[in-house]
C-alpha atoms as a PDB file:
ATOM      1  CA  MET A   1       3.940 -16.350   5.705  1.00  0.00           C
ATOM      2  CA  ALA A   2       5.706 -14.738   3.141  1.00  0.00           C
ATOM      3  CA  SER A   3       7.631 -12.041   5.278  1.00  0.00           C
ATOM      4  CA  ASP A   4      11.169 -10.896   5.697  1.00  0.00           C
ATOM      5  CA  SER A   5      11.956 -11.807   9.285  1.00  0.00           C
ATOM      6  CA  ASN A   6      14.708  -9.322   9.263  1.00  0.00           C
ATOM      7  CA  PHE A   7      13.887  -5.773   8.141  1.00  0.00           C
ATOM      8  CA  CYS A   8      17.039  -4.258   6.932  1.00  0.00           C
ATOM      9  CA  ALA A   9      17.385  -0.296   7.337  1.00  0.00           C
ATOM     10  CA  GLY A  10      18.393  -0.210   3.662  1.00  0.00           C
ATOM     11  CA  LYS A  11      15.402  -2.062   2.177  1.00  0.00           C
ATOM     12  CA  PRO A  12      11.998  -0.283   2.124  1.00  0.00           C
ATOM     13  CA  ALA A  13       9.618  -2.026   4.123  1.00  0.00           C
ATOM     14  CA  VAL A  14       6.311  -2.695   2.441  1.00  0.00           C
ATOM     15  CA  LEU A  15       3.051  -3.976   3.887  1.00  0.00           C
ATOM     16  CA  VAL A  16       1.118  -6.257   1.574  1.00  0.00           C
ATOM     17  CA  VAL A  17      -2.551  -6.673   2.487  1.00  0.00           C
ATOM     18  CA  GLN A  18      -4.271  -9.358   0.338  1.00  0.00           C
ATOM     19  CA  GLN A  19      -6.586 -12.065   1.543  1.00  0.00           C
ATOM     20  CA  ASN A  20      -5.685 -14.605  -0.962  1.00  0.00           C
ATOM     21  CA  ARG A  21      -2.759 -16.361   0.501  1.00  0.00           C
ATOM     22  CA  PHE A  22      -1.208 -17.455  -2.963  1.00  0.00           C
ATOM     23  CA  LEU A  23      -1.238 -13.950  -4.156  1.00  0.00           C
ATOM     24  CA  ARG A  24       0.242 -12.700  -0.939  1.00  0.00           C
ATOM     25  CA  GLU A  25       3.242 -15.042  -1.352  1.00  0.00           C
ATOM     26  CA  MET A  26       3.696 -14.238  -4.907  1.00  0.00           C
ATOM     27  CA  VAL A  27       3.658 -10.410  -4.580  1.00  0.00           C
ATOM     28  CA  CYS A  28       6.133 -10.902  -1.367  1.00  0.00           C
ATOM     29  CA  ASP A  29       8.411 -13.035  -3.348  1.00  0.00           C
ATOM     30  CA  TRP A  30       8.497 -10.611  -6.360  1.00  0.00           C
ATOM     31  CA  LEU A  31       9.110  -7.585  -3.907  1.00  0.00           C
ATOM     32  CA  ARG A  32      12.233  -9.327  -2.378  1.00  0.00           C
ATOM     33  CA  THR A  33      13.714  -9.775  -5.620  1.00  0.00           C
ATOM     34  CA  GLU A  34      13.243  -5.897  -6.460  1.00  0.00           C
ATOM     35  CA  GLY A  35      14.976  -5.224  -2.961  1.00  0.00           C
ATOM     36  CA  TYR A  36      12.194  -4.564  -0.794  1.00  0.00           C
ATOM     37  CA  ALA A  37      11.576  -5.974   2.792  1.00  0.00           C
ATOM     38  CA  SER A  38       7.868  -7.443   2.706  1.00  0.00           C
ATOM     39  CA  HIS A  39       5.349  -8.275   5.489  1.00  0.00           C
ATOM     40  CA  ALA A  40       2.186  -9.918   4.221  1.00  0.00           C
ATOM     41  CA  VAL A  41      -1.306  -9.934   6.028  1.00  0.00           C
ATOM     42  CA  GLY A  42      -4.826 -10.949   5.080  1.00  0.00           C
ATOM     43  CA  ASP A  43      -7.020  -9.240   7.424  1.00  0.00           C
ATOM     44  CA  GLU A  44      -7.481  -6.425   9.817  1.00  0.00           C
ATOM     45  CA  ARG A  45      -6.152  -8.384  12.573  1.00  0.00           C
ATOM     46  CA  GLY A  46      -3.062  -8.891  10.867  1.00  0.00           C
ATOM     47  CA  VAL A  47      -2.769  -5.327   9.681  1.00  0.00           C
ATOM     48  CA  ILE A  48      -2.905  -4.295  13.366  1.00  0.00           C
ATOM     49  CA  GLU A  49      -0.299  -6.494  14.406  1.00  0.00           C
ATOM     50  CA  ALA A  50       2.173  -5.621  11.662  1.00  0.00           C
ATOM     51  CA  LEU A  51       1.770  -1.933  12.592  1.00  0.00           C
ATOM     52  CA  GLN A  52       2.433  -2.472  16.125  1.00  0.00           C
ATOM     53  CA  GLN A  53       5.614  -4.538  15.099  1.00  0.00           C
ATOM     54  CA  ARG A  54       7.379  -2.293  12.629  1.00  0.00           C
ATOM     55  CA  ARG A  55       7.270   0.852  10.323  1.00  0.00           C
ATOM     56  CA  PHE A  56       6.424   0.594   6.853  1.00  0.00           C
ATOM     57  CA  ALA A  57       7.921   2.929   4.055  1.00  0.00           C
ATOM     58  CA  LEU A  58       4.643   1.920   1.996  1.00  0.00           C
ATOM     59  CA  ALA A  59       1.333  -0.022   2.034  1.00  0.00           C
ATOM     60  CA  LEU A  60       0.105  -2.367  -0.833  1.00  0.00           C
ATOM     61  CA  LEU A  61      -3.685  -2.956  -0.427  1.00  0.00           C
ATOM     62  CA  ASP A  62      -5.288  -5.436  -2.526  1.00  0.00           C
ATOM     63  CA  MET A  63      -9.008  -5.570  -1.481  1.00  0.00           C
ATOM     64  CA  ASP A  64     -12.025  -4.051  -2.743  1.00  0.00           C
ATOM     65  CA  VAL A  65     -12.131  -0.495  -0.854  1.00  0.00           C
ATOM     66  CA  THR A  66     -15.561   0.068  -2.300  1.00  0.00           C
ATOM     67  CA  ARG A  67     -17.199  -1.998   0.456  1.00  0.00           C
ATOM     68  CA  GLY A  68     -17.091  -4.110   3.434  1.00  0.00           C
ATOM     69  CA  GLU A  69     -13.509  -4.915   4.782  1.00  0.00           C
ATOM     70  CA  GLY A  70     -11.860  -3.455   2.281  1.00  0.00           C
ATOM     71  CA  ILE A  71     -13.206   0.244   3.489  1.00  0.00           C
ATOM     72  CA  SER A  72     -12.467  -0.882   7.162  1.00  0.00           C
ATOM     73  CA  LEU A  73      -8.629  -1.645   6.155  1.00  0.00           C
ATOM     74  CA  LEU A  74      -8.425   1.582   3.966  1.00  0.00           C
ATOM     75  CA  ARG A  75      -9.633   3.427   6.866  1.00  0.00           C
ATOM     76  CA  LEU A  76      -7.213   1.653   9.432  1.00  0.00           C
ATOM     77  CA  LEU A  77      -4.210   2.197   7.247  1.00  0.00           C
ATOM     78  CA  GLU A  78      -4.955   5.772   6.613  1.00  0.00           C
ATOM     79  CA  SER A  79      -4.990   6.602  10.490  1.00  0.00           C
ATOM     80  CA  LYS A  80      -1.982   4.292  11.368  1.00  0.00           C
ATOM     81  CA  LEU A  81       0.233   5.295   8.297  1.00  0.00           C
ATOM     82  CA  SER A  82       0.018   8.938   8.191  1.00  0.00           C
ATOM     83  CA  GLY A  83       1.881  10.110   5.236  1.00  0.00           C
ATOM     84  CA  VAL A  84       3.163   6.834   4.117  1.00  0.00           C
ATOM     85  CA  PRO A  85       2.247   6.038   0.411  1.00  0.00           C
ATOM     86  CA  LEU A  86      -0.873   3.503  -0.032  1.00  0.00           C
ATOM     87  CA  VAL A  87      -1.113   1.754  -3.403  1.00  0.00           C
ATOM     88  CA  LEU A  88      -4.489   0.223  -4.071  1.00  0.00           C
ATOM     89  CA  LEU A  89      -4.712  -2.619  -6.272  1.00  0.00           C
ATOM     90  CA  THR A  90      -7.922  -2.727  -7.546  1.00  0.00           C
ATOM     91  CA  GLY A  91     -10.378  -4.123 -10.201  1.00  0.00           C
ATOM     92  CA  ALA A  92     -13.234  -1.742  -9.448  1.00  0.00           C
ATOM     93  CA  VAL A  93     -14.556  -0.394 -12.923  1.00  0.00           C
ATOM     94  CA  ASN A  94     -15.733   3.012 -11.315  1.00  0.00           C
ATOM     95  CA  TYR A  95     -12.694   5.135 -10.758  1.00  0.00           C
ATOM     96  CA  ASP A  96     -14.867   7.558  -8.680  1.00  0.00           C
ATOM     97  CA  ASP A  97     -15.928   4.920  -6.323  1.00  0.00           C
ATOM     98  CA  VAL A  98     -12.350   4.445  -5.101  1.00  0.00           C
ATOM     99  CA  VAL A  99     -11.320   7.934  -5.228  1.00  0.00           C
ATOM    100  CA  ALA A 100     -14.188   8.838  -3.008  1.00  0.00           C
ATOM    101  CA  ARG A 101     -12.987   6.461  -0.270  1.00  0.00           C
ATOM    102  CA  VAL A 102      -9.667   7.873  -0.080  1.00  0.00           C
ATOM    103  CA  SER A 103      -8.959  10.921   2.413  1.00  0.00           C
ATOM    104  CA  ALA A 104      -7.406  13.956   0.659  1.00  0.00           C
ATOM    105  CA  ASP A 105      -4.526  13.679   2.849  1.00  0.00           C
ATOM    106  CA  THR A 106      -3.446  10.338   1.998  1.00  0.00           C
ATOM    107  CA  PRO A 107      -0.683   9.744  -0.332  1.00  0.00           C
ATOM    108  CA  CYS A 108      -2.206   7.148  -2.762  1.00  0.00           C
ATOM    109  CA  VAL A 109      -1.839   5.549  -6.221  1.00  0.00           C
ATOM    110  CA  ARG A 110      -4.374   3.540  -7.686  1.00  0.00           C
ATOM    111  CA  VAL A 111      -3.342   0.396  -9.963  1.00  0.00           C
ATOM    112  CA  ASP A 112      -5.754  -1.315 -12.135  1.00  0.00           C
ATOM    113  CA  LYS A 113      -5.863  -4.783 -12.373  1.00  0.00           C
ATOM    114  CA  PRO A 114      -4.724  -6.875 -14.295  1.00  0.00           C
ATOM    115  CA  TYR A 115      -1.410  -5.154 -13.919  1.00  0.00           C
ATOM    116  CA  SER A 116       2.271  -6.252 -14.588  1.00  0.00           C
ATOM    117  CA  PHE A 117       4.875  -6.416 -11.905  1.00  0.00           C
ATOM    118  CA  PHE A 118       6.990  -4.047 -14.160  1.00  0.00           C
ATOM    119  CA  ALA A 119       4.275  -1.421 -14.054  1.00  0.00           C
ATOM    120  CA  LEU A 120       3.820  -2.192 -10.257  1.00  0.00           C
ATOM    121  CA  GLY A 121       7.625  -1.753  -9.658  1.00  0.00           C
ATOM    122  CA  LEU A 122       7.595   1.662 -11.620  1.00  0.00           C
ATOM    123  CA  VAL A 123       4.581   2.818  -9.348  1.00  0.00           C
ATOM    124  CA  LEU A 124       6.283   1.648  -6.116  1.00  0.00           C
ATOM    125  CA  LYS A 125       9.528   3.521  -6.862  1.00  0.00           C
ATOM    126  CA  ALA A 126       7.740   6.635  -7.766  1.00  0.00           C
ATOM    127  CA  ALA A 127       5.459   6.660  -4.709  1.00  0.00           C
ATOM    128  CA  LEU A 128       8.577   5.985  -2.597  1.00  0.00           C
ATOM    129  CA  ALA A 129      10.679   8.756  -4.353  1.00  0.00           C
ATOM    130  CA  ARG A 130       7.761  11.338  -3.837  1.00  0.00           C
ATOM    131  CA  SER A 131       7.270  10.398  -0.167  1.00  0.00           C
ATOM    132  CA  SER A 132      11.039  10.701   0.835  1.00  0.00           C
ATOM    133  CA  GLY A 133      11.028  14.181  -0.960  1.00  0.00           C
ATOM    134  CA  SER A 134       8.710  16.119   1.324  1.00  0.00           C
ATOM    135  CA  ASN A 135       6.228  15.052   4.037  1.00  0.00           C
ATOM    136  CA  THR A 136       4.455  18.516   3.859  1.00  0.00           C
ATOM    137  CA  PRO A 137       1.970  19.148   1.224  1.00  0.00           C
ATOM    138  CA  ALA A 138       2.523  22.502  -1.084  1.00  0.00           C
ATOM    139  CA  SER A 139       0.770  25.232   0.417  1.00  0.00           C
ATOM    140  CA  GLY A 140      -2.867  25.010  -0.405  1.00  0.00           C
ATOM    141  CA  ALA A 141      -2.465  21.914  -2.662  1.00  0.00           C
ATOM    142  CA  ARG A 142      -4.220  18.713  -2.242  1.00  0.00           C
ATOM    143  CA  ARG A 143      -1.237  16.188  -1.320  1.00  0.00           C
ATOM    144  CA  ALA A 144      -3.022  12.994  -2.225  1.00  0.00           C
ATOM    145  CA  THR A 145      -4.822  12.185  -5.396  1.00  0.00           C
ATOM    146  CA  CYS A 146      -5.290   8.579  -6.473  1.00  0.00           C
ATOM    147  CA  MET A 147      -3.647   8.156  -9.742  1.00  0.00           C
END
């Protein structure tokens, strides 16, 4: 498994949820080169185990959140990672299909496939910066909107 065994306090911990082992390992390798600690899982059971073991600064979900296990994993992450940014990597062609699945309280960024690691890096930094600034939404404002 492509995961950092020692999560350092100085490194933001990223949970990578991706069914394809090759892609999981590639994303985790890249995350480590960018200074993140990463933990990769491929299914709901792996998500549950990871969330019991450590805290994450951000979750990266690369699954179809418009059906099946993707929806289930999205709901699980939303319930267990309250306030933690969620980055959805998606190839869905209908933006509304993705946004409709995400709770209004979830800090979420949608990244369309194909994406570059450079662009993904910018998204991760921005999502982490926003989440560390304040964990409370502005009065009356919807906190989370998929971008």
